[in-house]
């Protein structure tokens, strides 16, 4: 039986690195698409895909290379993002149009392309195979506006809706879509204190369907798993 495959877009030193380590330890092969990847560093277990994953065409290309090399992914994680901070006192005027388009392309359009390609992959996999799309989110899709976070908040909000609709649309085909948002035990935002190992463990539980009855908006607490919280104000 072939080993399952994780395809990860945007593998940084925190969430990305921990996720790769955890999935490899659980017998997955991992393909990572990121600017820092080097093709010559690929192994039997890790496929390095040097890609600027803020451009839609490079997302398509990553799937094409993976399919040619190993086959279809069982799990796709979109962990990439782009954000140009704005002046909190003049948020619209301080955001250049090119920067806005660039950030929304990375945070939304590229995630859409990845999710669309993932669906094509899932349709090709055996009915018994795991089929999961994960998006590294945060609480900006539901909390009070934070001036300065314009493109990050707009991007996460748009992605959250996309994930919610995809989850509903493909429910009968057992394709699972999750917007993953780490919280404190009290339900507050984690911000820059998010933990890679916590994400990795929760991603794996979602991918292997061990986190039962988790909705598309997958808020979680490290070492506690899914937790439902009231909407942030």
C-alpha atoms as a PDB file:
ATOM      1  CA  UNK A   1       0.000   0.000   0.000  1.00  0.00           C
ATOM      2  CA  UNK A   2       1.415   3.408  -0.986  1.00  0.00           C
ATOM      3  CA  UNK A   3       2.122   5.932   1.707  1.00  0.00           C
ATOM      4  CA  UNK A   4      -0.143   8.988   1.998  1.00  0.00           C
ATOM      5  CA  UNK A   5       1.178  12.329   0.756  1.00  0.00           C
ATOM      6  CA  UNK A   6       1.078  15.772   2.344  1.00  0.00           C
ATOM      7  CA  UNK A   7       1.556  18.795   0.073  1.00  0.00           C
ATOM      8  CA  UNK A   8       2.356  21.949   2.025  1.00  0.00           C
ATOM      9  CA  UNK A   9       2.505  25.477   0.639  1.00  0.00           C
ATOM     10  CA  UNK A  10       4.646  27.895   2.629  1.00  0.00           C
ATOM     11  CA  UNK A  11       6.700  25.917   5.130  1.00  0.00           C
ATOM     12  CA  UNK A  12       8.208  28.315   7.640  1.00  0.00           C
ATOM     13  CA  UNK A  13      10.287  27.593  10.730  1.00  0.00           C
ATOM     14  CA  UNK A  14       7.305  27.342  13.078  1.00  0.00           C
ATOM     15  CA  UNK A  15       4.074  25.760  11.811  1.00  0.00           C
ATOM     16  CA  UNK A  16       5.536  24.447   8.556  1.00  0.00           C
ATOM     17  CA  UNK A  17       8.640  22.837  10.031  1.00  0.00           C
ATOM     18  CA  UNK A  18       6.702  21.198  12.865  1.00  0.00           C
ATOM     19  CA  UNK A  19       4.063  19.893  10.482  1.00  0.00           C
ATOM     20  CA  UNK A  20       6.618  18.323   8.160  1.00  0.00           C
ATOM     21  CA  UNK A  21       8.341  16.629  11.099  1.00  0.00           C
ATOM     22  CA  UNK A  22       5.071  15.284  12.519  1.00  0.00           C
ATOM     23  CA  UNK A  23       3.728  13.933   9.233  1.00  0.00           C
ATOM     24  CA  UNK A  24       7.031  12.282   8.334  1.00  0.00           C
ATOM     25  CA  UNK A  25       7.033  10.590  11.747  1.00  0.00           C
ATOM     26  CA  UNK A  26       3.586   9.213  10.908  1.00  0.00           C
ATOM     27  CA  UNK A  27       4.677   7.577   7.654  1.00  0.00           C
ATOM     28  CA  UNK A  28       3.640  10.312   5.245  1.00  0.00           C
ATOM     29  CA  UNK A  29       5.696  11.506   2.351  1.00  0.00           C
ATOM     30  CA  UNK A  30       5.876  15.298   2.245  1.00  0.00           C
ATOM     31  CA  UNK A  31       6.119  17.678  -0.688  1.00  0.00           C
ATOM     32  CA  UNK A  32       6.920  21.237   0.313  1.00  0.00           C
ATOM     33  CA  UNK A  33       6.423  24.166  -2.044  1.00  0.00           C
ATOM     34  CA  UNK A  34       8.276  27.250  -0.893  1.00  0.00           C
ATOM     35  CA  UNK A  35      10.752  29.814  -2.164  1.00  0.00           C
ATOM     36  CA  UNK A  36      13.538  28.378  -0.002  1.00  0.00           C
ATOM     37  CA  UNK A  37      13.169  24.806  -1.275  1.00  0.00           C
ATOM     38  CA  UNK A  38      16.003  23.311  -3.327  1.00  0.00           C
ATOM     39  CA  UNK A  39      15.214  20.531  -5.797  1.00  0.00           C
ATOM     40  CA  UNK A  40      18.570  18.867  -5.214  1.00  0.00           C
ATOM     41  CA  UNK A  41      17.676  18.373  -1.524  1.00  0.00           C
ATOM     42  CA  UNK A  42      14.763  16.069  -2.356  1.00  0.00           C
ATOM     43  CA  UNK A  43      14.783  12.567  -0.853  1.00  0.00           C
ATOM     44  CA  UNK A  44      12.546   9.507  -1.020  1.00  0.00           C
ATOM     45  CA  UNK A  45      10.459  11.024   1.776  1.00  0.00           C
ATOM     46  CA  UNK A  46      10.602  14.769   1.052  1.00  0.00           C
ATOM     47  CA  UNK A  47      10.000  16.353  -2.358  1.00  0.00           C
ATOM     48  CA  UNK A  48      11.374  19.880  -2.552  1.00  0.00           C
ATOM     49  CA  UNK A  49       9.388  22.164  -4.872  1.00  0.00           C
ATOM     50  CA  UNK A  50      11.035  25.579  -5.233  1.00  0.00           C
ATOM     51  CA  UNK A  51       8.058  27.838  -5.878  1.00  0.00           C
ATOM     52  CA  UNK A  52       6.966  31.389  -5.166  1.00  0.00           C
ATOM     53  CA  UNK A  53       3.592  30.338  -3.816  1.00  0.00           C
ATOM     54  CA  UNK A  54       2.238  33.898  -3.924  1.00  0.00           C
ATOM     55  CA  UNK A  55       1.666  33.407  -7.677  1.00  0.00           C
ATOM     56  CA  UNK A  56      -1.309  31.262  -8.816  1.00  0.00           C
ATOM     57  CA  UNK A  57       0.526  29.619 -11.711  1.00  0.00           C
ATOM     58  CA  UNK A  58       3.228  28.310  -9.384  1.00  0.00           C
ATOM     59  CA  UNK A  59       0.559  26.580  -7.284  1.00  0.00           C
ATOM     60  CA  UNK A  60      -0.662  24.754 -10.398  1.00  0.00           C
ATOM     61  CA  UNK A  61       2.929  23.876 -11.244  1.00  0.00           C
ATOM     62  CA  UNK A  62       3.571  22.417  -7.788  1.00  0.00           C
ATOM     63  CA  UNK A  63       0.620  20.038  -8.177  1.00  0.00           C
ATOM     64  CA  UNK A  64       1.753  19.086 -11.681  1.00  0.00           C
ATOM     65  CA  UNK A  65       5.263  18.229 -10.491  1.00  0.00           C
ATOM     66  CA  UNK A  66       3.968  16.253  -7.515  1.00  0.00           C
ATOM     67  CA  UNK A  67       1.574  14.241  -9.684  1.00  0.00           C
ATOM     68  CA  UNK A  68       4.349  13.413 -12.127  1.00  0.00           C
ATOM     69  CA  UNK A  69       6.782  12.458  -9.359  1.00  0.00           C
ATOM     70  CA  UNK A  70       4.692  10.706  -6.691  1.00  0.00           C
ATOM     71  CA  UNK A  71       1.002  10.980  -7.490  1.00  0.00           C
ATOM     72  CA  UNK A  72      -1.971  12.717  -5.885  1.00  0.00           C
ATOM     73  CA  UNK A  73      -1.804  14.261  -2.384  1.00  0.00           C
ATOM     74  CA  UNK A  74      -4.132  13.075   0.365  1.00  0.00           C
ATOM     75  CA  UNK A  75      -3.615  16.198   2.446  1.00  0.00           C
ATOM     76  CA  UNK A  76      -3.030  19.749   1.215  1.00  0.00           C
ATOM     77  CA  UNK A  77      -2.011  22.473   3.667  1.00  0.00           C
ATOM     78  CA  UNK A  78      -2.028  26.117   2.616  1.00  0.00           C
ATOM     79  CA  UNK A  79       0.285  27.767   5.136  1.00  0.00           C
ATOM     80  CA  UNK A  80       1.511  30.680   2.998  1.00  0.00           C
ATOM     81  CA  UNK A  81       0.493  34.307   3.482  1.00  0.00           C
ATOM     82  CA  UNK A  82       1.463  37.851   2.550  1.00  0.00           C
ATOM     83  CA  UNK A  83       0.843  41.054   4.492  1.00  0.00           C
ATOM     84  CA  UNK A  84       1.835  44.692   4.037  1.00  0.00           C
ATOM     85  CA  UNK A  85       1.105  46.568   7.258  1.00  0.00           C
ATOM     86  CA  UNK A  86      -0.768  49.860   6.926  1.00  0.00           C
ATOM     87  CA  UNK A  87      -0.890  53.091   8.936  1.00  0.00           C
ATOM     88  CA  UNK A  88      -3.559  52.487  11.571  1.00  0.00           C
ATOM     89  CA  UNK A  89      -4.608  56.149  11.327  1.00  0.00           C
ATOM     90  CA  UNK A  90      -4.871  56.150   7.522  1.00  0.00           C
ATOM     91  CA  UNK A  91      -5.263  52.527   6.554  1.00  0.00           C
ATOM     92  CA  UNK A  92      -6.650  52.893   3.015  1.00  0.00           C
ATOM     93  CA  UNK A  93      -4.451  55.723   1.774  1.00  0.00           C
ATOM     94  CA  UNK A  94      -1.333  54.043   3.147  1.00  0.00           C
ATOM     95  CA  UNK A  95      -1.973  50.798   1.236  1.00  0.00           C
ATOM     96  CA  UNK A  96      -0.659  50.803  -2.307  1.00  0.00           C
ATOM     97  CA  UNK A  97      -2.878  49.187  -4.924  1.00  0.00           C
ATOM     98  CA  UNK A  98      -0.102  46.869  -6.085  1.00  0.00           C
ATOM     99  CA  UNK A  99       0.569  45.719  -2.529  1.00  0.00           C
ATOM    100  CA  UNK A 100      -3.135  45.151  -1.925  1.00  0.00           C
ATOM    101  CA  UNK A 101      -3.479  43.059  -5.082  1.00  0.00           C
ATOM    102  CA  UNK A 102      -0.302  41.131  -4.236  1.00  0.00           C
ATOM    103  CA  UNK A 103      -1.467  40.260  -0.722  1.00  0.00           C
ATOM    104  CA  UNK A 104      -4.982  39.266  -1.757  1.00  0.00           C
ATOM    105  CA  UNK A 105      -3.539  37.151  -4.551  1.00  0.00           C
ATOM    106  CA  UNK A 106      -1.325  35.300  -2.076  1.00  0.00           C
ATOM    107  CA  UNK A 107      -3.876  34.956   0.717  1.00  0.00           C
ATOM    108  CA  UNK A 108      -6.996  34.223  -1.317  1.00  0.00           C
ATOM    109  CA  UNK A 109      -6.420  33.538  -5.018  1.00  0.00           C
ATOM    110  CA  UNK A 110      -3.517  31.155  -4.473  1.00  0.00           C
ATOM    111  CA  UNK A 111      -5.434  29.393  -1.710  1.00  0.00           C
ATOM    112  CA  UNK A 112      -8.382  29.035  -4.089  1.00  0.00           C
ATOM    113  CA  UNK A 113      -6.120  27.534  -6.758  1.00  0.00           C
ATOM    114  CA  UNK A 114      -4.664  25.119  -4.195  1.00  0.00           C
ATOM    115  CA  UNK A 115      -8.136  24.093  -3.018  1.00  0.00           C
ATOM    116  CA  UNK A 116      -9.355  23.653  -6.602  1.00  0.00           C
ATOM    117  CA  UNK A 117      -6.360  21.501  -7.471  1.00  0.00           C
ATOM    118  CA  UNK A 118      -6.853  19.547  -4.255  1.00  0.00           C
ATOM    119  CA  UNK A 119     -10.406  18.692  -5.304  1.00  0.00           C
ATOM    120  CA  UNK A 120      -9.094  17.372  -8.624  1.00  0.00           C
ATOM    121  CA  UNK A 121      -6.609  15.233  -6.688  1.00  0.00           C
ATOM    122  CA  UNK A 122      -9.219  13.972  -4.236  1.00  0.00           C
ATOM    123  CA  UNK A 123     -11.501  12.889  -7.094  1.00  0.00           C
ATOM    124  CA  UNK A 124      -8.670  10.704  -8.418  1.00  0.00           C
ATOM    125  CA  UNK A 125      -7.939   8.974  -5.113  1.00  0.00           C
ATOM    126  CA  UNK A 126      -9.580   5.720  -3.996  1.00  0.00           C
ATOM    127  CA  UNK A 127     -12.795   6.152  -2.028  1.00  0.00           C
ATOM    128  CA  UNK A 128     -11.086   4.738   1.075  1.00  0.00           C
ATOM    129  CA  UNK A 129      -8.268   7.328   1.026  1.00  0.00           C
ATOM    130  CA  UNK A 130      -8.101  10.330   3.333  1.00  0.00           C
ATOM    131  CA  UNK A 131      -8.854  13.621   1.549  1.00  0.00           C
ATOM    132  CA  UNK A 132      -8.260  16.789   3.562  1.00  0.00           C
ATOM    133  CA  UNK A 133      -7.586  20.459   2.759  1.00  0.00           C
ATOM    134  CA  UNK A 134      -6.206  22.608   5.578  1.00  0.00           C
ATOM    135  CA  UNK A 135      -5.805  26.398   5.695  1.00  0.00           C
ATOM    136  CA  UNK A 136      -3.755  28.051   8.428  1.00  0.00           C
ATOM    137  CA  UNK A 137      -6.107  30.744   9.645  1.00  0.00           C
ATOM    138  CA  UNK A 138      -6.459  33.049  12.614  1.00  0.00           C
ATOM    139  CA  UNK A 139      -9.273  34.962  14.295  1.00  0.00           C
ATOM    140  CA  UNK A 140      -9.234  38.009  11.971  1.00  0.00           C
ATOM    141  CA  UNK A 141     -12.254  36.631  10.114  1.00  0.00           C
ATOM    142  CA  UNK A 142     -14.503  37.216  13.122  1.00  0.00           C
ATOM    143  CA  UNK A 143     -12.974  39.758  15.493  1.00  0.00           C
ATOM    144  CA  UNK A 144     -13.284  43.536  15.642  1.00  0.00           C
ATOM    145  CA  UNK A 145     -11.250  45.286  12.965  1.00  0.00           C
ATOM    146  CA  UNK A 146      -7.598  45.946  13.790  1.00  0.00           C
ATOM    147  CA  UNK A 147      -6.363  48.936  11.735  1.00  0.00           C
ATOM    148  CA  UNK A 148      -3.054  48.067  10.130  1.00  0.00           C
ATOM    149  CA  UNK A 149      -4.100  44.494   9.297  1.00  0.00           C
ATOM    150  CA  UNK A 150      -6.113  45.367   6.176  1.00  0.00           C
ATOM    151  CA  UNK A 151      -4.899  42.768   3.688  1.00  0.00           C
ATOM    152  CA  UNK A 152      -4.313  40.031   6.242  1.00  0.00           C
ATOM    153  CA  UNK A 153      -7.806  40.457   7.695  1.00  0.00           C
ATOM    154  CA  UNK A 154      -9.476  40.737   4.300  1.00  0.00           C
ATOM    155  CA  UNK A 155      -7.565  37.706   3.053  1.00  0.00           C
ATOM    156  CA  UNK A 156      -8.320  35.498   6.048  1.00  0.00           C
ATOM    157  CA  UNK A 157     -12.000  36.516   5.971  1.00  0.00           C
ATOM    158  CA  UNK A 158     -12.348  35.653   2.289  1.00  0.00           C
ATOM    159  CA  UNK A 159     -10.488  32.371   2.760  1.00  0.00           C
ATOM    160  CA  UNK A 160     -12.686  31.443   5.718  1.00  0.00           C
ATOM    161  CA  UNK A 161     -15.836  31.831   3.630  1.00  0.00           C
ATOM    162  CA  UNK A 162     -14.289  29.827   0.794  1.00  0.00           C
ATOM    163  CA  UNK A 163     -13.431  26.992   3.194  1.00  0.00           C
ATOM    164  CA  UNK A 164     -16.934  27.035   4.701  1.00  0.00           C
ATOM    165  CA  UNK A 165     -18.584  26.756   1.280  1.00  0.00           C
ATOM    166  CA  UNK A 166     -16.181  24.065   0.092  1.00  0.00           C
ATOM    167  CA  UNK A 167     -16.833  22.065   3.259  1.00  0.00           C
ATOM    168  CA  UNK A 168     -20.554  22.114   2.542  1.00  0.00           C
ATOM    169  CA  UNK A 169     -20.246  21.538  -1.205  1.00  0.00           C
ATOM    170  CA  UNK A 170     -18.047  18.427  -0.942  1.00  0.00           C
ATOM    171  CA  UNK A 171     -19.483  16.941   2.238  1.00  0.00           C
ATOM    172  CA  UNK A 172     -21.185  14.053   0.439  1.00  0.00           C
ATOM    173  CA  UNK A 173     -17.890  13.141  -1.255  1.00  0.00           C
ATOM    174  CA  UNK A 174     -16.090  13.017   2.102  1.00  0.00           C
ATOM    175  CA  UNK A 175     -13.656  15.787   1.137  1.00  0.00           C
ATOM    176  CA  UNK A 176     -12.858  17.666   4.343  1.00  0.00           C
ATOM    177  CA  UNK A 177     -11.975  21.374   4.438  1.00  0.00           C
ATOM    178  CA  UNK A 178     -10.773  23.163   7.573  1.00  0.00           C
ATOM    179  CA  UNK A 179      -9.863  26.731   8.482  1.00  0.00           C
ATOM    180  CA  UNK A 180      -7.573  26.136  11.445  1.00  0.00           C
ATOM    181  CA  UNK A 181      -7.354  28.778  14.158  1.00  0.00           C
ATOM    182  CA  UNK A 182      -5.300  28.311  17.352  1.00  0.00           C
ATOM    183  CA  UNK A 183      -6.654  29.978  20.502  1.00  0.00           C
ATOM    184  CA  UNK A 184      -5.733  30.374  24.140  1.00  0.00           C
ATOM    185  CA  UNK A 185      -7.652  28.167  26.614  1.00  0.00           C
ATOM    186  CA  UNK A 186      -9.895  31.188  27.201  1.00  0.00           C
ATOM    187  CA  UNK A 187     -10.647  31.512  23.489  1.00  0.00           C
ATOM    188  CA  UNK A 188      -8.551  34.588  22.847  1.00  0.00           C
ATOM    189  CA  UNK A 189      -6.333  35.144  19.818  1.00  0.00           C
ATOM    190  CA  UNK A 190      -2.841  33.649  19.972  1.00  0.00           C
ATOM    191  CA  UNK A 191      -1.308  36.145  17.558  1.00  0.00           C
ATOM    192  CA  UNK A 192       2.450  35.735  17.224  1.00  0.00           C
ATOM    193  CA  UNK A 193       2.539  33.124  19.997  1.00  0.00           C
ATOM    194  CA  UNK A 194       1.034  30.335  17.894  1.00  0.00           C
ATOM    195  CA  UNK A 195       2.819  27.033  18.361  1.00  0.00           C
ATOM    196  CA  UNK A 196       4.053  24.892  15.507  1.00  0.00           C
ATOM    197  CA  UNK A 197       3.849  21.536  17.329  1.00  0.00           C
ATOM    198  CA  UNK A 198       0.284  22.264  18.413  1.00  0.00           C
ATOM    199  CA  UNK A 199      -0.745  22.976  14.838  1.00  0.00           C
ATOM    200  CA  UNK A 200       1.075  19.902  13.567  1.00  0.00           C
ATOM    201  CA  UNK A 201      -0.668  17.548  15.999  1.00  0.00           C
ATOM    202  CA  UNK A 202      -4.077  19.039  15.211  1.00  0.00           C
ATOM    203  CA  UNK A 203      -3.460  18.949  11.456  1.00  0.00           C
ATOM    204  CA  UNK A 204      -2.593  15.249  11.717  1.00  0.00           C
ATOM    205  CA  UNK A 205      -5.697  14.497  13.770  1.00  0.00           C
ATOM    206  CA  UNK A 206      -7.860  16.273  11.183  1.00  0.00           C
ATOM    207  CA  UNK A 207      -6.117  14.545   8.281  1.00  0.00           C
ATOM    208  CA  UNK A 208      -6.613  11.111   9.817  1.00  0.00           C
ATOM    209  CA  UNK A 209     -10.153  11.906  10.943  1.00  0.00           C
ATOM    210  CA  UNK A 210      -9.241  11.361  14.584  1.00  0.00           C
ATOM    211  CA  UNK A 211     -10.702  14.736  15.565  1.00  0.00           C
ATOM    212  CA  UNK A 212     -14.354  13.761  15.230  1.00  0.00           C
ATOM    213  CA  UNK A 213     -17.191  16.233  14.776  1.00  0.00           C
ATOM    214  CA  UNK A 214     -14.942  19.181  13.992  1.00  0.00           C
ATOM    215  CA  UNK A 215     -16.639  21.835  11.828  1.00  0.00           C
ATOM    216  CA  UNK A 216     -14.926  23.736   9.031  1.00  0.00           C
ATOM    217  CA  UNK A 217     -13.993  26.536  11.488  1.00  0.00           C
ATOM    218  CA  UNK A 218     -11.553  24.411  13.458  1.00  0.00           C
ATOM    219  CA  UNK A 219     -10.631  26.449  16.523  1.00  0.00           C
ATOM    220  CA  UNK A 220      -8.290  24.534  18.790  1.00  0.00           C
ATOM    221  CA  UNK A 221      -6.170  24.711  21.914  1.00  0.00           C
ATOM    222  CA  UNK A 222      -2.792  23.002  21.998  1.00  0.00           C
ATOM    223  CA  UNK A 223      -2.954  19.550  23.634  1.00  0.00           C
ATOM    224  CA  UNK A 224      -6.735  19.895  23.982  1.00  0.00           C
ATOM    225  CA  UNK A 225      -7.816  19.702  20.351  1.00  0.00           C
ATOM    226  CA  UNK A 226     -10.967  21.260  18.973  1.00  0.00           C
ATOM    227  CA  UNK A 227     -12.713  23.742  21.236  1.00  0.00           C
ATOM    228  CA  UNK A 228     -15.817  25.726  20.377  1.00  0.00           C
ATOM    229  CA  UNK A 229     -15.692  29.357  21.470  1.00  0.00           C
ATOM    230  CA  UNK A 230     -18.128  32.267  21.328  1.00  0.00           C
ATOM    231  CA  UNK A 231     -17.505  34.678  18.486  1.00  0.00           C
ATOM    232  CA  UNK A 232     -14.852  37.250  19.339  1.00  0.00           C
ATOM    233  CA  UNK A 233     -15.924  40.865  19.688  1.00  0.00           C
END
